């Protein structure tokens, strides 16, 4: 197995080595790096066929690029308007969800490496592709449900549209019935991904899930949506800083996965190394922002 496939996880409670650089400046720099490297990487995907693995990485990179640009617009104004922490948190939650998906891929790689110290690269890629197929299929069943709620379509039109959507993922749906039914084993929840991704090497997994559940209180209206503001601002800002570092970690892993498994994307190893070097430049230090 190559070095990039190993995808060694790291403790990401980072602060800069240069003590003259504060965590706010570091987070701004990290966001700039994420935007630049994800945007540059996307250029390699256009006008190429995408298998399930490549498609997952492309969609993840595209989403990270767009969300990071949104966070980057808000973050510099956080000190002057603390309420901006709330919309940033909603954006961060979306990225923590994706980070958990990347953790699941890493778990799969680690488990296979434990079983077979020198696994066949093609066999390992096939296993990872199978996981990616499940992940990119997520949401299709909900989309089909929305079609059937339409009051403007006939039953025949609903069936035709639903089957067209489901036909993109023939392994995940039974297309023989009038309304496509999702095949058993293709239902995915974030909590299940978290619980299943339990390899001991995944030391950032709990941090990611804790941030995901914390920001879920922002995204879903409830009593807790308002109560969250009682947490001291420094702690809430620390969670954002840590989240950006975890996004940076996921970016490195996505670039490593696609450049290692598909020779058409070998050029992205340079981007992977750039992000990895950025991570290595920060030293591990306790950061209270990762506690929910």
Protein backbone atom coordinates (compact mmCIF):
# COMPACT_ATOMS: atom_id res chain seq x y z
CA UNK A 1 0.00 0.00 0.00
CA UNK A 2 1.37 3.45 -0.90
CA UNK A 3 2.00 6.19 1.61
CA UNK A 4 -0.99 8.23 0.47
CA UNK A 5 -3.39 5.29 0.76
CA UNK A 6 -2.33 4.78 4.35
CA UNK A 7 -4.18 8.02 5.24
CA UNK A 8 -2.74 8.19 8.73
CA UNK A 9 -5.07 10.12 11.00
CA UNK A 10 -3.75 12.86 13.24
CA UNK A 11 -4.69 14.71 16.38
CA UNK A 12 -5.97 18.03 15.05
CA UNK A 13 -6.10 20.12 18.22
CA UNK A 14 -3.64 22.45 16.54
CA UNK A 15 -2.25 25.86 17.24
CA UNK A 16 0.46 27.46 15.10
CA UNK A 17 4.15 26.81 15.71
CA UNK A 18 4.73 30.54 15.33
CA UNK A 19 3.44 31.90 18.61
CA UNK A 20 3.17 35.36 17.04
CA UNK A 21 0.42 34.03 14.75
CA UNK A 22 -2.92 33.76 16.54
CA UNK A 23 -5.54 31.11 15.87
CA UNK A 24 -7.75 33.58 13.95
CA UNK A 25 -4.98 34.27 11.44
CA UNK A 26 -4.31 30.53 11.18
CA UNK A 27 -7.96 29.77 10.43
CA UNK A 28 -8.05 32.47 7.75
CA UNK A 29 -4.93 30.95 6.18
CA UNK A 30 -6.44 27.47 6.39
CA UNK A 31 -9.62 28.61 4.67
CA UNK A 32 -7.59 30.24 1.91
CA UNK A 33 -5.63 27.02 1.44
CA UNK A 34 -8.80 24.90 1.33
CA UNK A 35 -10.42 27.19 -1.24
CA UNK A 36 -7.32 27.33 -3.44
CA UNK A 37 -6.49 23.61 -3.34
CA UNK A 38 -10.06 22.33 -3.69
CA UNK A 39 -10.75 24.77 -6.53
CA UNK A 40 -7.56 23.84 -8.32
CA UNK A 41 -8.24 20.14 -7.87
CA UNK A 42 -11.71 20.43 -9.41
CA UNK A 43 -10.16 21.48 -12.70
CA UNK A 44 -8.74 17.95 -13.07
CA UNK A 45 -12.21 16.35 -13.03
CA UNK A 46 -13.92 18.12 -15.91
CA UNK A 47 -14.50 16.36 -19.23
CA UNK A 48 -13.55 12.97 -17.81
CA UNK A 49 -15.56 9.85 -17.10
CA UNK A 50 -16.18 9.45 -13.38
CA UNK A 51 -16.58 6.09 -11.70
CA UNK A 52 -18.24 5.89 -8.28
CA UNK A 53 -15.05 6.64 -6.36
CA UNK A 54 -14.09 9.61 -8.51
CA UNK A 55 -17.66 10.91 -8.48
CA UNK A 56 -17.76 10.86 -4.67
CA UNK A 57 -14.45 12.73 -4.41
CA UNK A 58 -15.54 15.27 -7.03
CA UNK A 59 -18.86 15.98 -5.29
CA UNK A 60 -17.13 16.24 -1.91
CA UNK A 61 -14.47 18.63 -3.24
CA UNK A 62 -17.03 20.76 -5.05
CA UNK A 63 -19.19 21.07 -1.94
CA UNK A 64 -16.19 21.81 0.31
CA UNK A 65 -15.02 24.50 -2.10
CA UNK A 66 -18.39 26.26 -2.12
CA UNK A 67 -19.01 25.98 1.62
CA UNK A 68 -15.48 27.17 2.45
CA UNK A 69 -16.04 30.28 0.34
CA UNK A 70 -19.15 31.00 2.38
CA UNK A 71 -17.35 30.52 5.69
CA UNK A 72 -14.48 32.66 4.42
CA UNK A 73 -16.87 35.56 3.73
CA UNK A 74 -18.27 35.46 7.27
CA UNK A 75 -15.30 34.48 9.44
CA UNK A 76 -13.26 37.74 9.14
CA UNK A 77 -16.24 39.66 10.58
CA UNK A 78 -16.79 37.30 13.50
CA UNK A 79 -15.04 39.46 16.10
CA UNK A 80 -17.17 42.50 15.24
CA UNK A 81 -20.43 40.54 15.07
CA UNK A 82 -20.49 37.43 17.24
CA UNK A 83 -23.89 36.38 15.86
CA UNK A 84 -22.17 35.40 12.60
CA UNK A 85 -20.94 32.36 14.49
CA UNK A 86 -24.45 30.94 14.10
CA UNK A 87 -24.65 30.81 10.27
CA UNK A 88 -21.02 29.66 10.15
CA UNK A 89 -22.02 26.80 12.45
CA UNK A 90 -24.79 25.73 10.06
CA UNK A 91 -22.29 25.65 7.20
CA UNK A 92 -19.78 23.76 9.34
CA UNK A 93 -22.34 21.08 10.21
CA UNK A 94 -22.68 20.23 6.54
CA UNK A 95 -18.93 19.77 6.29
CA UNK A 96 -18.69 17.66 9.45
CA UNK A 97 -21.25 15.33 7.88
CA UNK A 98 -18.99 14.94 4.85
CA UNK A 99 -15.95 14.50 7.11
CA UNK A 100 -17.71 11.53 8.72
CA UNK A 101 -18.13 10.00 5.26
CA UNK A 102 -14.41 10.39 4.65
CA UNK A 103 -13.77 8.80 8.04
CA UNK A 104 -15.86 5.84 6.91
CA UNK A 105 -13.71 5.42 3.81
CA UNK A 106 -10.58 5.59 5.94
CA UNK A 107 -12.04 3.01 8.32
CA UNK A 108 -12.58 0.70 5.35
CA UNK A 109 -8.98 1.16 4.19
CA UNK A 110 -7.59 0.56 7.67
CA UNK A 111 -9.67 -2.58 8.23
CA UNK A 112 -8.61 -4.05 4.89
CA UNK A 113 -4.97 -3.22 5.65
CA UNK A 114 -5.27 -5.02 8.99
CA UNK A 115 -6.67 -8.11 7.28
CA UNK A 116 -4.18 -8.05 4.45
CA UNK A 117 -0.89 -6.22 5.22
CA UNK A 118 -0.20 -6.02 1.48
CA UNK A 119 -3.68 -5.96 -0.09
CA UNK A 120 -4.27 -5.99 -3.81
CA UNK A 121 -4.72 -2.41 -4.89
CA UNK A 122 -7.51 -3.37 -7.28
CA UNK A 123 -9.33 -5.33 -4.58
CA UNK A 124 -9.00 -2.44 -2.15
CA UNK A 125 -10.21 0.02 -4.77
CA UNK A 126 -13.24 -2.18 -5.48
CA UNK A 127 -14.13 -2.18 -1.78
CA UNK A 128 -13.77 1.61 -1.51
CA UNK A 129 -15.79 2.10 -4.71
CA UNK A 130 -18.60 0.05 -3.19
CA UNK A 131 -18.73 2.38 -0.19
CA UNK A 132 -18.64 5.44 -2.47
CA UNK A 133 -21.57 4.03 -4.46
CA UNK A 134 -23.64 3.89 -1.29
CA UNK A 135 -22.63 7.40 -0.28
CA UNK A 136 -23.38 9.13 -3.59
CA UNK A 137 -26.70 7.30 -3.81
CA UNK A 138 -27.81 8.95 -0.56
CA UNK A 139 -30.70 11.35 -1.11
CA UNK A 140 -32.08 9.62 -4.19
CA UNK A 141 -34.83 7.90 -2.21
CA UNK A 142 -35.88 11.23 -0.67
CA UNK A 143 -35.91 12.80 -4.13
CA UNK A 144 -38.22 10.05 -5.33
CA UNK A 145 -40.47 10.71 -2.34
CA UNK A 146 -40.69 14.38 -3.33
CA UNK A 147 -41.75 13.37 -6.85
CA UNK A 148 -44.64 11.35 -5.46
CA UNK A 149 -45.78 14.29 -3.33
CA UNK A 150 -46.28 16.43 -6.44
CA UNK A 151 -49.85 17.49 -7.19
CA UNK A 152 -48.99 18.51 -10.74
CA UNK A 153 -47.87 15.13 -12.11
CA UNK A 154 -49.92 12.14 -13.17
CA UNK A 155 -49.19 8.74 -11.61
CA UNK A 156 -47.52 7.64 -14.83
CA UNK A 157 -45.33 10.74 -14.91
CA UNK A 158 -44.34 10.21 -11.30
CA UNK A 159 -43.33 6.63 -12.01
CA UNK A 160 -41.34 7.58 -15.10
CA UNK A 161 -39.45 10.38 -13.33
CA UNK A 162 -38.80 8.26 -10.24
CA UNK A 163 -37.43 5.40 -12.33
CA UNK A 164 -35.22 7.81 -14.24
CA UNK A 165 -33.71 9.02 -10.95
CA UNK A 166 -33.35 5.50 -9.57
CA UNK A 167 -31.82 4.17 -12.79
CA UNK A 168 -28.63 6.06 -11.94
CA UNK A 169 -28.18 3.58 -9.09
CA UNK A 170 -29.59 0.24 -10.32
CA UNK A 171 -27.96 -1.74 -7.50
CA UNK A 172 -29.63 0.44 -4.88
CA UNK A 173 -33.20 0.22 -6.22
CA UNK A 174 -35.72 -2.38 -7.29
CA UNK A 175 -36.97 -1.00 -10.60
CA UNK A 176 -39.54 -3.74 -11.27
CA UNK A 177 -42.33 -2.10 -9.28
CA UNK A 178 -44.25 1.01 -10.30
CA UNK A 179 -42.49 3.02 -7.61
CA UNK A 180 -38.76 2.19 -7.24
CA UNK A 181 -37.95 0.74 -3.85
CA UNK A 182 -34.58 1.15 -2.19
CA UNK A 183 -32.73 -2.13 -1.79
CA UNK A 184 -31.94 -3.32 1.72
CA UNK A 185 -28.47 -2.26 2.84
CA UNK A 186 -28.41 1.05 1.01
CA UNK A 187 -30.06 3.12 3.73
CA UNK A 188 -27.37 5.26 5.35
CA UNK A 189 -27.54 7.46 8.43
CA UNK A 190 -24.77 9.66 9.78
CA UNK A 191 -25.01 8.04 13.19
CA UNK A 192 -24.51 4.61 11.62
CA UNK A 193 -21.46 5.87 9.71
CA UNK A 194 -20.03 7.15 12.97
CA UNK A 195 -20.69 3.93 14.88
CA UNK A 196 -19.36 1.73 12.08
CA UNK A 197 -16.19 3.80 11.60
CA UNK A 198 -14.56 2.63 14.80
CA UNK A 199 -11.01 1.74 13.81
CA UNK A 200 -8.59 2.73 16.55
CA UNK A 201 -6.52 4.85 14.11
CA UNK A 202 -9.43 7.27 13.62
CA UNK A 203 -8.58 9.52 16.54
CA UNK A 204 -10.43 12.57 15.13
CA UNK A 205 -13.70 10.68 14.63
CA UNK A 206 -15.21 11.70 17.99
CA UNK A 207 -14.27 15.35 17.47
CA UNK A 208 -16.01 15.37 14.10
CA UNK A 209 -19.16 13.71 15.40
CA UNK A 210 -19.32 15.96 18.48
CA UNK A 211 -19.14 19.04 16.25
CA UNK A 212 -21.74 17.58 13.89
CA UNK A 213 -24.20 16.96 16.73
CA UNK A 214 -23.44 20.33 18.35
CA UNK A 215 -24.21 22.24 15.15
CA UNK A 216 -27.30 20.10 14.57
CA UNK A 217 -28.87 22.19 17.35
CA UNK A 218 -28.28 25.24 15.15
CA UNK A 219 -29.73 23.67 12.04
CA UNK A 220 -32.88 22.19 13.62
CA UNK A 221 -35.17 24.63 15.39
CA UNK A 222 -35.72 23.76 19.02
CA UNK A 223 -35.24 25.19 22.49
CA UNK A 224 -31.54 24.32 22.21
CA UNK A 225 -31.16 26.54 19.15
CA UNK A 226 -31.38 29.60 21.38
CA UNK A 227 -29.66 28.16 24.45
CA UNK A 228 -26.45 27.52 22.51
CA UNK A 229 -25.66 31.24 22.61
CA UNK A 230 -25.09 30.94 26.38
CA UNK A 231 -21.87 29.05 25.70
CA UNK A 232 -18.97 31.54 25.97
CA UNK A 233 -18.07 33.01 22.59
CA UNK A 234 -14.42 31.96 22.82
CA UNK A 235 -15.50 28.33 23.13
CA UNK A 236 -17.90 28.60 20.22
CA UNK A 237 -15.26 30.28 18.07
CA UNK A 238 -12.82 27.53 19.05
CA UNK A 239 -15.21 24.98 17.61
CA UNK A 240 -15.19 26.79 14.28
CA UNK A 241 -11.38 26.95 14.26
CA UNK A 242 -11.16 23.23 14.97
CA UNK A 243 -13.81 22.46 12.33
CA UNK A 244 -11.80 24.24 9.64
CA UNK A 245 -8.74 22.18 10.59
CA UNK A 246 -10.81 19.00 10.33
CA UNK A 247 -12.03 20.11 6.90
CA UNK A 248 -8.42 20.59 5.89
CA UNK A 249 -7.68 17.06 7.05
CA UNK A 250 -10.59 15.69 5.00
CA UNK A 251 -9.39 17.62 1.95
CA UNK A 252 -5.99 15.96 2.20
CA UNK A 253 -7.62 12.54 2.50
CA UNK A 254 -9.91 13.08 -0.49
CA UNK A 255 -6.96 14.10 -2.64
CA UNK A 256 -4.98 11.11 -1.40
CA UNK A 257 -7.80 8.68 -2.18
CA UNK A 258 -8.38 9.78 -5.77
CA UNK A 259 -4.70 10.31 -6.66
CA UNK A 260 -3.73 6.93 -5.22
CA UNK A 261 -6.52 4.82 -6.69
CA UNK A 262 -6.89 6.40 -10.13
CA UNK A 263 -3.81 7.13 -12.29
CA UNK A 264 -5.74 9.81 -14.19
CA UNK A 265 -5.57 11.91 -11.03
CA UNK A 266 -1.97 11.22 -10.03
CA UNK A 267 -1.18 14.90 -10.55
CA UNK A 268 -3.29 15.69 -7.47
CA UNK A 269 -0.63 14.12 -5.27
CA UNK A 270 1.08 17.51 -5.36
CA UNK A 271 -2.05 19.19 -3.98
CA UNK A 272 -2.34 16.45 -1.37
CA UNK A 273 1.24 17.12 -0.28
CA UNK A 274 0.59 20.87 -0.09
CA UNK A 275 -2.37 20.35 2.25
CA UNK A 276 -0.48 17.74 4.27
CA UNK A 277 2.44 20.15 4.68
CA UNK A 278 0.01 22.76 5.96
CA UNK A 279 -1.25 20.30 8.55
CA UNK A 280 2.27 19.30 9.55
CA UNK A 281 3.22 22.95 10.08
CA UNK A 282 0.86 23.12 13.05
CA UNK A 283 1.83 21.54 16.33
CA UNK A 284 -0.56 19.57 18.52
CA UNK A 285 -1.79 21.45 21.54
CA UNK A 286 -4.91 21.10 23.69
CA UNK A 287 -7.78 23.20 22.37
CA UNK A 288 -10.96 23.40 24.44
CA UNK A 289 -12.95 24.20 21.31
CA UNK A 290 -13.33 20.53 20.43
CA UNK A 291 -15.51 19.71 23.44
CA UNK A 292 -19.28 19.61 22.94
